[in-house]
Amino acid sequence: MKAWRWVGLTGSLVLGALLGWIEAAWAGVTVRVELANSRAPLVVGVSVPAQLTNSRGEILAELPPMQGFMAQPSPQGVRLQGVVSPVLFIKPEEGGMVAVNGHWYPGEVLLTGHNLLMAINYVDLEDYVASVVDAEMGARFLPEALKAQAVAARSYVLYHRNSRGWFDVFSDTRSQVYRGLSQRSVAALEATWATRGVVMVYGGQFVNAMYSASSGGQTVGVSGIPYLMSLPDVSPYPKHGHGIGMSQWGAQELARQGWNYRQILAYYYRGVRLGRLPE
């Protein structure tokens, strides 16, 4: 990760967190999310006309909208709509969506593999965050808790960006739960928009903003990571999940007590700075 230069610091000190601006080229970030990885076929479709291209960008076939197509693994690569290639990109026209096994996803989908089939969604960062906020918390949580979740989710995925070969994060609890366009409530969209581009950094890097549902009264510290320390938690529920970092139900309780999302994050991730990605 490149070194950060902080410019135009604004806002007041809030429990050790500073709101500032990060000068770096992160506008228009794309996240790669693994949707599937198995030897079973996948049913895919598109909402608008789409192209099937290979890794060189050559158009191999066209996909008409609102129909189901079987993508199958083979020894030569992915078999779909009469073509076989080790790498296939499904590229819908602007504003279109791609369906994979009944779930709609914005952006493009990469299909790859030999004798197995991996599906990876290339999605805009903020579209990804909105889906994660709803899947991980949902509209029953208060706005400030949802905003804290949005910043944590955004920071987490940027920390893990380019950490794997084909994709950045899983679409399940191995990373963060992501369900595409089927999981984006108004409350999640509002929390994402209100914190658009806001991230946590520590020591010049994005924060590995781990979180779980509830810590059972005490979060779990991680040796060697100063911002992930063991802390008292106000969550009224027994431990659910690994207990590291932010407690989602603890964040809800703090929001109920009148804390804003900056204060919530500064409590669970000690010593981090808040910054904003450039538009």
C-alpha atoms as a PDB file:
ATOM      1  CA  MET A   1       0.000   0.000   0.000  1.00  0.00           C
ATOM      2  CA  LYS A   2       1.347   3.422  -0.913  1.00  0.00           C
ATOM      3  CA  ALA A   3       2.045   6.016   1.729  1.00  0.00           C
ATOM      4  CA  TRP A   4      -0.765   8.464   2.437  1.00  0.00           C
ATOM      5  CA  ARG A   5      -0.540  12.241   2.447  1.00  0.00           C
ATOM      6  CA  TRP A   6      -3.274  13.922   4.459  1.00  0.00           C
ATOM      7  CA  VAL A   7      -4.579  17.217   3.141  1.00  0.00           C
ATOM      8  CA  GLY A   8      -7.268  19.670   4.220  1.00  0.00           C
ATOM      9  CA  LEU A   9      -7.960  18.147   7.634  1.00  0.00           C
ATOM     10  CA  THR A  10     -11.359  19.326   8.857  1.00  0.00           C
ATOM     11  CA  GLY A  11     -13.566  18.578  11.802  1.00  0.00           C
ATOM     12  CA  SER A  12     -12.811  18.113  15.469  1.00  0.00           C
ATOM     13  CA  LEU A  13     -11.091  15.405  17.441  1.00  0.00           C
ATOM     14  CA  VAL A  14     -13.713  12.753  18.213  1.00  0.00           C
ATOM     15  CA  LEU A  15     -12.476  10.040  20.560  1.00  0.00           C
ATOM     16  CA  GLY A  16      -9.106   9.998  18.792  1.00  0.00           C
ATOM     17  CA  ALA A  17     -10.467   9.924  15.231  1.00  0.00           C
ATOM     18  CA  LEU A  18      -9.886  12.695  12.700  1.00  0.00           C
ATOM     19  CA  LEU A  19     -12.043  13.378   9.683  1.00  0.00           C
ATOM     20  CA  GLY A  20      -9.853  14.313   6.732  1.00  0.00           C
ATOM     21  CA  TRP A  21      -9.245  13.906   3.042  1.00  0.00           C
ATOM     22  CA  ILE A  22      -6.957  11.332   1.486  1.00  0.00           C
ATOM     23  CA  GLU A  23      -5.090  12.361  -1.640  1.00  0.00           C
ATOM     24  CA  ALA A  24      -4.942   9.210  -3.738  1.00  0.00           C
ATOM     25  CA  ALA A  25      -6.386   7.863  -6.970  1.00  0.00           C
ATOM     26  CA  TRP A  26      -9.256   5.753  -5.618  1.00  0.00           C
ATOM     27  CA  ALA A  27     -12.162   7.311  -7.511  1.00  0.00           C
ATOM     28  CA  GLY A  28     -14.309   4.754  -9.331  1.00  0.00           C
ATOM     29  CA  VAL A  29     -13.016   1.729  -7.425  1.00  0.00           C
ATOM     30  CA  THR A  30     -14.108  -1.695  -8.683  1.00  0.00           C
ATOM     31  CA  VAL A  31     -14.418  -4.610  -6.248  1.00  0.00           C
ATOM     32  CA  ARG A  32     -14.102  -8.244  -7.356  1.00  0.00           C
ATOM     33  CA  VAL A  33     -16.460 -10.521  -5.410  1.00  0.00           C
ATOM     34  CA  GLU A  34     -16.436 -14.309  -5.748  1.00  0.00           C
ATOM     35  CA  LEU A  35     -20.053 -15.418  -6.186  1.00  0.00           C
ATOM     36  CA  ALA A  36     -19.534 -19.120  -6.844  1.00  0.00           C
ATOM     37  CA  ASN A  37     -16.777 -21.714  -7.093  1.00  0.00           C
ATOM     38  CA  SER A  38     -17.893 -25.272  -7.792  1.00  0.00           C
ATOM     39  CA  ARG A  39     -18.032 -28.059 -10.344  1.00  0.00           C
ATOM     40  CA  ALA A  40     -21.763 -27.546 -10.830  1.00  0.00           C
ATOM     41  CA  PRO A  41     -23.199 -25.536 -13.750  1.00  0.00           C
ATOM     42  CA  LEU A  42     -24.529 -22.025 -13.164  1.00  0.00           C
ATOM     43  CA  VAL A  43     -27.637 -20.429 -14.615  1.00  0.00           C
ATOM     44  CA  VAL A  44     -26.838 -16.928 -15.854  1.00  0.00           C
ATOM     45  CA  GLY A  45     -28.800 -14.188 -17.561  1.00  0.00           C
ATOM     46  CA  VAL A  46     -28.790 -10.466 -18.281  1.00  0.00           C
ATOM     47  CA  SER A  47     -31.325  -7.668 -17.932  1.00  0.00           C
ATOM     48  CA  VAL A  48     -30.224  -5.968 -21.158  1.00  0.00           C
ATOM     49  CA  PRO A  49     -28.283  -7.164 -24.233  1.00  0.00           C
ATOM     50  CA  ALA A  50     -24.770  -8.243 -23.276  1.00  0.00           C
ATOM     51  CA  GLN A  51     -21.546  -9.388 -24.888  1.00  0.00           C
ATOM     52  CA  LEU A  52     -19.465 -12.433 -24.077  1.00  0.00           C
ATOM     53  CA  THR A  53     -15.774 -11.562 -24.376  1.00  0.00           C
ATOM     54  CA  ASN A  54     -12.511 -13.359 -23.676  1.00  0.00           C
ATOM     55  CA  SER A  55      -9.495 -12.102 -21.732  1.00  0.00           C
ATOM     56  CA  ARG A  56      -8.338 -10.103 -24.783  1.00  0.00           C
ATOM     57  CA  GLY A  57     -11.669  -8.308 -25.064  1.00  0.00           C
ATOM     58  CA  GLU A  58     -12.669 -10.140 -28.246  1.00  0.00           C
ATOM     59  CA  ILE A  59     -16.436 -10.568 -28.638  1.00  0.00           C
ATOM     60  CA  LEU A  60     -17.295 -14.268 -28.798  1.00  0.00           C
ATOM     61  CA  ALA A  61     -21.093 -14.198 -28.587  1.00  0.00           C
ATOM     62  CA  GLU A  62     -24.119 -12.087 -27.686  1.00  0.00           C
ATOM     63  CA  LEU A  63     -26.554 -12.744 -24.843  1.00  0.00           C
ATOM     64  CA  PRO A  64     -30.160 -11.574 -25.320  1.00  0.00           C
ATOM     65  CA  PRO A  65     -31.919 -10.178 -22.233  1.00  0.00           C
ATOM     66  CA  MET A  66     -34.256 -11.889 -19.781  1.00  0.00           C
ATOM     67  CA  GLN A  67     -33.380 -15.451 -20.713  1.00  0.00           C
ATOM     68  CA  GLY A  68     -31.609 -18.166 -18.750  1.00  0.00           C
ATOM     69  CA  PHE A  69     -28.382 -19.756 -20.033  1.00  0.00           C
ATOM     70  CA  MET A  70     -26.421 -22.669 -18.621  1.00  0.00           C
ATOM     71  CA  ALA A  71     -22.733 -21.998 -17.960  1.00  0.00           C
ATOM     72  CA  GLN A  72     -20.927 -25.306 -17.651  1.00  0.00           C
ATOM     73  CA  PRO A  73     -17.397 -26.247 -16.581  1.00  0.00           C
ATOM     74  CA  SER A  74     -15.308 -28.320 -19.004  1.00  0.00           C
ATOM     75  CA  PRO A  75     -11.660 -29.408 -19.386  1.00  0.00           C
ATOM     76  CA  GLN A  76     -11.180 -26.612 -21.956  1.00  0.00           C
ATOM     77  CA  GLY A  77     -12.782 -23.909 -19.819  1.00  0.00           C
ATOM     78  CA  VAL A  78     -16.258 -22.425 -19.455  1.00  0.00           C
ATOM     79  CA  ARG A  79     -18.911 -23.508 -21.938  1.00  0.00           C
ATOM     80  CA  LEU A  80     -21.659 -20.960 -22.563  1.00  0.00           C
ATOM     81  CA  GLN A  81     -23.910 -20.141 -25.505  1.00  0.00           C
ATOM     82  CA  GLY A  82     -21.934 -22.238 -27.980  1.00  0.00           C
ATOM     83  CA  VAL A  83     -18.457 -20.993 -27.032  1.00  0.00           C
ATOM     84  CA  VAL A  84     -15.747 -22.440 -24.795  1.00  0.00           C
ATOM     85  CA  SER A  85     -13.035 -20.317 -23.210  1.00  0.00           C
ATOM     86  CA  PRO A  86     -10.865 -20.405 -20.061  1.00  0.00           C
ATOM     87  CA  VAL A  87     -12.093 -16.865 -19.360  1.00  0.00           C
ATOM     88  CA  LEU A  88     -15.476 -15.380 -20.255  1.00  0.00           C
ATOM     89  CA  PHE A  89     -16.676 -11.906 -19.327  1.00  0.00           C
ATOM     90  CA  ILE A  90     -20.417 -11.179 -19.345  1.00  0.00           C
ATOM     91  CA  LYS A  91     -20.598  -7.465 -20.179  1.00  0.00           C
ATOM     92  CA  PRO A  92     -24.105  -5.990 -20.219  1.00  0.00           C
ATOM     93  CA  GLU A  93     -24.883  -2.661 -21.827  1.00  0.00           C
ATOM     94  CA  GLU A  94     -24.565   0.377 -19.554  1.00  0.00           C
ATOM     95  CA  GLY A  95     -26.876   0.152 -16.550  1.00  0.00           C
ATOM     96  CA  GLY A  96     -27.553  -3.538 -17.087  1.00  0.00           C
ATOM     97  CA  MET A  97     -27.372  -6.363 -14.562  1.00  0.00           C
ATOM     98  CA  VAL A  98     -26.185  -9.959 -14.622  1.00  0.00           C
ATOM     99  CA  ALA A  99     -28.061 -12.802 -12.929  1.00  0.00           C
ATOM    100  CA  VAL A 100     -26.186 -15.731 -11.409  1.00  0.00           C
ATOM    101  CA  ASN A 101     -28.295 -18.560 -10.006  1.00  0.00           C
ATOM    102  CA  GLY A 102     -31.285 -16.287  -9.460  1.00  0.00           C
ATOM    103  CA  HIS A 103     -29.535 -13.261  -7.932  1.00  0.00           C
ATOM    104  CA  TRP A 104     -29.045 -10.006  -9.820  1.00  0.00           C
ATOM    105  CA  TYR A 105     -25.699  -8.217  -9.706  1.00  0.00           C
ATOM    106  CA  PRO A 106     -24.634  -4.805 -11.067  1.00  0.00           C
ATOM    107  CA  GLY A 107     -21.542  -4.528 -13.237  1.00  0.00           C
ATOM    108  CA  GLU A 108     -19.811  -7.364 -15.076  1.00  0.00           C
ATOM    109  CA  VAL A 109     -19.373 -11.033 -14.210  1.00  0.00           C
ATOM    110  CA  LEU A 110     -16.265 -13.074 -14.960  1.00  0.00           C
ATOM    111  CA  LEU A 111     -16.607 -16.821 -15.493  1.00  0.00           C
ATOM    112  CA  THR A 112     -13.428 -18.889 -15.391  1.00  0.00           C
ATOM    113  CA  GLY A 113     -12.080 -22.339 -14.559  1.00  0.00           C
ATOM    114  CA  HIS A 114     -11.140 -25.782 -15.873  1.00  0.00           C
ATOM    115  CA  ASN A 115     -13.447 -28.587 -14.735  1.00  0.00           C
ATOM    116  CA  LEU A 116     -14.850 -26.141 -12.197  1.00  0.00           C
ATOM    117  CA  LEU A 117     -16.629 -22.841 -12.489  1.00  0.00           C
ATOM    118  CA  MET A 118     -15.785 -19.629 -10.686  1.00  0.00           C
ATOM    119  CA  ALA A 119     -18.088 -16.594 -11.006  1.00  0.00           C
ATOM    120  CA  ILE A 120     -16.726 -13.188  -9.985  1.00  0.00           C
ATOM    121  CA  ASN A 121     -18.729  -9.953  -9.918  1.00  0.00           C
ATOM    122  CA  TYR A 122     -16.872  -6.773 -10.913  1.00  0.00           C
ATOM    123  CA  VAL A 123     -18.919  -4.204  -9.004  1.00  0.00           C
ATOM    124  CA  ASP A 124     -18.616  -0.529  -8.090  1.00  0.00           C
ATOM    125  CA  LEU A 125     -17.377  -0.020  -4.516  1.00  0.00           C
ATOM    126  CA  GLU A 126     -20.426   1.918  -3.314  1.00  0.00           C
ATOM    127  CA  ASP A 127     -22.911  -0.532  -4.865  1.00  0.00           C
ATOM    128  CA  TYR A 128     -21.016  -3.286  -3.059  1.00  0.00           C
ATOM    129  CA  VAL A 129     -21.069  -1.440   0.272  1.00  0.00           C
ATOM    130  CA  ALA A 130     -24.815  -0.766   0.113  1.00  0.00           C
ATOM    131  CA  SER A 131     -25.530  -4.456  -0.417  1.00  0.00           C
ATOM    132  CA  VAL A 132     -23.214  -5.472   2.433  1.00  0.00           C
ATOM    133  CA  VAL A 133     -24.781  -2.969   4.848  1.00  0.00           C
ATOM    134  CA  ASP A 134     -28.235  -4.417   4.279  1.00  0.00           C
ATOM    135  CA  ALA A 135     -27.107  -8.045   4.348  1.00  0.00           C
ATOM    136  CA  GLU A 136     -24.962  -7.594   7.462  1.00  0.00           C
ATOM    137  CA  MET A 137     -27.284  -5.308   9.462  1.00  0.00           C
ATOM    138  CA  GLY A 138     -30.543  -4.492   7.732  1.00  0.00           C
ATOM    139  CA  ALA A 139     -33.140  -1.768   8.115  1.00  0.00           C
ATOM    140  CA  ARG A 140     -33.931  -2.696  11.729  1.00  0.00           C
ATOM    141  CA  PHE A 141     -30.687  -0.980  12.809  1.00  0.00           C
ATOM    142  CA  LEU A 142     -30.501   2.734  13.577  1.00  0.00           C
ATOM    143  CA  PRO A 143     -29.030   5.140  10.978  1.00  0.00           C
ATOM    144  CA  GLU A 144     -25.782   5.848  12.875  1.00  0.00           C
ATOM    145  CA  ALA A 145     -25.134   2.127  13.359  1.00  0.00           C
ATOM    146  CA  LEU A 146     -25.753   1.570   9.645  1.00  0.00           C
ATOM    147  CA  LYS A 147     -23.325   4.376   8.797  1.00  0.00           C
ATOM    148  CA  ALA A 148     -20.676   2.777  11.022  1.00  0.00           C
ATOM    149  CA  GLN A 149     -21.292  -0.509   9.210  1.00  0.00           C
ATOM    150  CA  ALA A 150     -20.891   1.201   5.826  1.00  0.00           C
ATOM    151  CA  VAL A 151     -17.515   2.686   6.758  1.00  0.00           C
ATOM    152  CA  ALA A 152     -16.343  -0.609   8.262  1.00  0.00           C
ATOM    153  CA  ALA A 153     -17.442  -2.569   5.169  1.00  0.00           C
ATOM    154  CA  ARG A 154     -15.761  -0.074   2.816  1.00  0.00           C
ATOM    155  CA  SER A 155     -12.516  -0.096   4.788  1.00  0.00           C
ATOM    156  CA  TYR A 156     -12.505  -3.883   5.053  1.00  0.00           C
ATOM    157  CA  VAL A 157     -12.886  -4.512   1.342  1.00  0.00           C
ATOM    158  CA  LEU A 158     -10.251  -1.919   0.426  1.00  0.00           C
ATOM    159  CA  TYR A 159      -7.838  -3.539   2.883  1.00  0.00           C
ATOM    160  CA  HIS A 160      -8.362  -6.882   1.145  1.00  0.00           C
ATOM    161  CA  ARG A 161      -8.387  -5.502  -2.396  1.00  0.00           C
ATOM    162  CA  ASN A 162      -5.901  -7.323  -4.673  1.00  0.00           C
ATOM    163  CA  SER A 163      -5.017  -9.738  -1.857  1.00  0.00           C
ATOM    164  CA  ARG A 164      -6.039 -12.775  -3.938  1.00  0.00           C
ATOM    165  CA  GLY A 165      -5.401 -13.780  -7.507  1.00  0.00           C
ATOM    166  CA  TRP A 166      -8.806 -13.784  -9.203  1.00  0.00           C
ATOM    167  CA  PHE A 167     -10.922 -11.907  -6.668  1.00  0.00           C
ATOM    168  CA  ASP A 168     -10.754  -9.622  -3.635  1.00  0.00           C
ATOM    169  CA  VAL A 169     -13.396 -10.965  -1.243  1.00  0.00           C
ATOM    170  CA  PHE A 170     -15.873 -13.803  -0.833  1.00  0.00           C
ATOM    171  CA  SER A 171     -19.609 -13.101  -0.944  1.00  0.00           C
ATOM    172  CA  ASP A 172     -20.295 -14.889   2.355  1.00  0.00           C
ATOM    173  CA  THR A 173     -19.166 -14.735   5.986  1.00  0.00           C
ATOM    174  CA  ARG A 174     -15.604 -15.684   5.044  1.00  0.00           C
ATOM    175  CA  SER A 175     -15.426 -11.982   4.121  1.00  0.00           C
ATOM    176  CA  GLN A 176     -18.666  -9.950   4.165  1.00  0.00           C
ATOM    177  CA  VAL A 177     -22.147 -11.029   3.092  1.00  0.00           C
ATOM    178  CA  TYR A 178     -22.964  -9.630  -0.362  1.00  0.00           C
ATOM    179  CA  ARG A 179     -26.147 -10.460  -2.263  1.00  0.00           C
ATOM    180  CA  GLY A 180     -26.084  -7.965  -5.104  1.00  0.00           C
ATOM    181  CA  LEU A 181     -29.162  -5.953  -5.975  1.00  0.00           C
ATOM    182  CA  SER A 182     -31.464  -8.332  -4.115  1.00  0.00           C
ATOM    183  CA  GLN A 183     -30.192  -6.858  -0.846  1.00  0.00           C
ATOM    184  CA  ARG A 184     -30.197  -3.039  -0.810  1.00  0.00           C
ATOM    185  CA  SER A 185     -32.860  -1.382   1.351  1.00  0.00           C
ATOM    186  CA  VAL A 186     -33.541   2.345   1.436  1.00  0.00           C
ATOM    187  CA  ALA A 187     -31.915   2.535   4.885  1.00  0.00           C
ATOM    188  CA  ALA A 188     -28.746   0.836   3.606  1.00  0.00           C
ATOM    189  CA  LEU A 189     -28.599   3.108   0.564  1.00  0.00           C
ATOM    190  CA  GLU A 190     -29.008   6.195   2.732  1.00  0.00           C
ATOM    191  CA  ALA A 191     -26.250   5.090   5.133  1.00  0.00           C
ATOM    192  CA  THR A 192     -23.937   4.343   2.220  1.00  0.00           C
ATOM    193  CA  TRP A 193     -24.629   7.681   0.553  1.00  0.00           C
ATOM    194  CA  ALA A 194     -24.227   9.622   3.809  1.00  0.00           C
ATOM    195  CA  THR A 195     -20.748   8.117   4.276  1.00  0.00           C
ATOM    196  CA  ARG A 196     -19.817   7.890   0.598  1.00  0.00           C
ATOM    197  CA  GLY A 197     -16.057   7.402   0.287  1.00  0.00           C
ATOM    198  CA  VAL A 198     -15.393   7.570   4.047  1.00  0.00           C
ATOM    199  CA  VAL A 199     -12.756   5.035   5.133  1.00  0.00           C
ATOM    200  CA  MET A 200     -10.624   4.192   8.159  1.00  0.00           C
ATOM    201  CA  VAL A 201      -6.840   4.161   7.919  1.00  0.00           C
ATOM    202  CA  TYR A 202      -4.059   3.293  10.344  1.00  0.00           C
ATOM    203  CA  GLY A 203      -0.338   3.632   9.763  1.00  0.00           C
ATOM    204  CA  GLY A 204      -0.837   4.604   6.121  1.00  0.00           C
ATOM    205  CA  GLN A 205      -3.027   1.597   5.262  1.00  0.00           C
ATOM    206  CA  PHE A 206      -6.701   0.844   5.107  1.00  0.00           C
ATOM    207  CA  VAL A 207      -8.009  -0.746   8.299  1.00  0.00           C
ATOM    208  CA  ASN A 208      -8.841  -4.449   8.376  1.00  0.00           C
ATOM    209  CA  ALA A 209     -12.194  -3.528   9.912  1.00  0.00           C
ATOM    210  CA  MET A 210     -13.345  -6.873  11.259  1.00  0.00           C
ATOM    211  CA  TYR A 211     -16.715  -7.052  13.010  1.00  0.00           C
ATOM    212  CA  SER A 212     -19.230  -9.578  14.267  1.00  0.00           C
ATOM    213  CA  ALA A 213     -22.824  -9.645  15.466  1.00  0.00           C
ATOM    214  CA  SER A 214     -22.119  -9.549  19.206  1.00  0.00           C
ATOM    215  CA  SER A 215     -19.097 -10.014  21.456  1.00  0.00           C
ATOM    216  CA  GLY A 216     -20.934 -11.058  24.610  1.00  0.00           C
ATOM    217  CA  GLY A 217     -19.739  -8.099  26.652  1.00  0.00           C
ATOM    218  CA  GLN A 218     -16.038  -8.028  25.685  1.00  0.00           C
ATOM    219  CA  THR A 219     -14.522  -7.813  22.216  1.00  0.00           C
ATOM    220  CA  VAL A 220     -11.617 -10.075  21.260  1.00  0.00           C
ATOM    221  CA  GLY A 221      -8.238  -8.458  20.684  1.00  0.00           C
ATOM    222  CA  VAL A 222      -5.809  -9.430  17.917  1.00  0.00           C
ATOM    223  CA  SER A 223      -2.124  -9.540  18.819  1.00  0.00           C
ATOM    224  CA  GLY A 224      -0.014  -7.173  16.738  1.00  0.00           C
ATOM    225  CA  ILE A 225      -2.955  -5.100  15.467  1.00  0.00           C
ATOM    226  CA  PRO A 226      -3.276  -2.096  17.799  1.00  0.00           C
ATOM    227  CA  TYR A 227      -6.685  -0.997  16.533  1.00  0.00           C
ATOM    228  CA  LEU A 228      -8.191  -4.432  17.220  1.00  0.00           C
ATOM    229  CA  MET A 229      -7.935  -4.613  21.005  1.00  0.00           C
ATOM    230  CA  SER A 230     -10.124  -6.231  23.630  1.00  0.00           C
ATOM    231  CA  LEU A 231     -12.734  -3.722  24.830  1.00  0.00           C
ATOM    232  CA  PRO A 232     -15.878  -3.732  26.973  1.00  0.00           C
ATOM    233  CA  ASP A 233     -18.949  -4.017  24.768  1.00  0.00           C
ATOM    234  CA  VAL A 234     -22.441  -2.757  25.538  1.00  0.00           C
ATOM    235  CA  SER A 235     -24.183  -5.384  23.434  1.00  0.00           C
ATOM    236  CA  PRO A 236     -26.977  -7.063  25.420  1.00  0.00           C
ATOM    237  CA  TYR A 237     -26.605 -10.324  23.491  1.00  0.00           C
ATOM    238  CA  PRO A 238     -24.352 -13.383  23.985  1.00  0.00           C
ATOM    239  CA  LYS A 239     -21.301 -13.758  21.786  1.00  0.00           C
ATOM    240  CA  HIS A 240     -22.204 -14.472  18.161  1.00  0.00           C
ATOM    241  CA  GLY A 241     -19.324 -14.649  15.709  1.00  0.00           C
ATOM    242  CA  HIS A 242     -15.604 -14.207  16.333  1.00  0.00           C
ATOM    243  CA  GLY A 243     -16.065 -11.142  18.536  1.00  0.00           C
ATOM    244  CA  ILE A 244     -13.231  -9.159  16.918  1.00  0.00           C
ATOM    245  CA  GLY A 245     -13.614  -5.450  16.180  1.00  0.00           C
ATOM    246  CA  MET A 246     -16.984  -3.765  16.062  1.00  0.00           C
ATOM    247  CA  SER A 247     -19.952  -5.468  17.670  1.00  0.00           C
ATOM    248  CA  GLN A 248     -22.938  -4.799  15.418  1.00  0.00           C
ATOM    249  CA  TRP A 249     -25.446  -4.986  18.248  1.00  0.00           C
ATOM    250  CA  GLY A 250     -23.078  -2.952  20.380  1.00  0.00           C
ATOM    251  CA  ALA A 251     -23.040  -0.303  17.659  1.00  0.00           C
ATOM    252  CA  GLN A 252     -26.833  -0.384  17.683  1.00  0.00           C
ATOM    253  CA  GLU A 253     -26.912   0.202  21.440  1.00  0.00           C
ATOM    254  CA  LEU A 254     -24.412   3.071  21.207  1.00  0.00           C
ATOM    255  CA  ALA A 255     -26.496   4.638  18.428  1.00  0.00           C
ATOM    256  CA  ARG A 256     -29.545   4.312  20.662  1.00  0.00           C
ATOM    257  CA  GLN A 257     -27.604   6.235  23.335  1.00  0.00           C
ATOM    258  CA  GLY A 258     -26.997   9.080  20.875  1.00  0.00           C
ATOM    259  CA  TRP A 259     -23.509   8.271  19.571  1.00  0.00           C
ATOM    260  CA  ASN A 260     -22.770   9.149  15.950  1.00  0.00           C
ATOM    261  CA  TYR A 261     -21.017   6.785  13.569  1.00  0.00           C
ATOM    262  CA  ARG A 262     -17.632   8.490  14.001  1.00  0.00           C
ATOM    263  CA  GLN A 263     -17.780   7.956  17.755  1.00  0.00           C
ATOM    264  CA  ILE A 264     -18.876   4.334  17.323  1.00  0.00           C
ATOM    265  CA  LEU A 265     -16.000   3.565  14.973  1.00  0.00           C
ATOM    266  CA  ALA A 266     -13.467   5.405  17.136  1.00  0.00           C
ATOM    267  CA  TYR A 267     -14.535   3.296  20.111  1.00  0.00           C
ATOM    268  CA  TYR A 268     -14.209  -0.099  18.450  1.00  0.00           C
ATOM    269  CA  TYR A 269     -11.162   0.690  16.274  1.00  0.00           C
ATOM    270  CA  ARG A 270      -8.800   2.591  18.561  1.00  0.00           C
ATOM    271  CA  GLY A 271      -6.391   5.107  17.057  1.00  0.00           C
ATOM    272  CA  VAL A 272      -7.693   4.979  13.480  1.00  0.00           C
ATOM    273  CA  ARG A 273      -8.223   8.034  11.301  1.00  0.00           C
ATOM    274  CA  LEU A 274     -11.253   8.707   9.172  1.00  0.00           C
ATOM    275  CA  GLY A 275     -10.665   9.986   5.667  1.00  0.00           C
ATOM    276  CA  ARG A 276     -12.599  10.328   2.440  1.00  0.00           C
ATOM    277  CA  LEU A 277     -11.708   8.947  -0.961  1.00  0.00           C
ATOM    278  CA  PRO A 278     -11.696  11.591  -3.713  1.00  0.00           C
ATOM    279  CA  GLU A 279     -14.803  11.843  -5.853  1.00  0.00           C
END
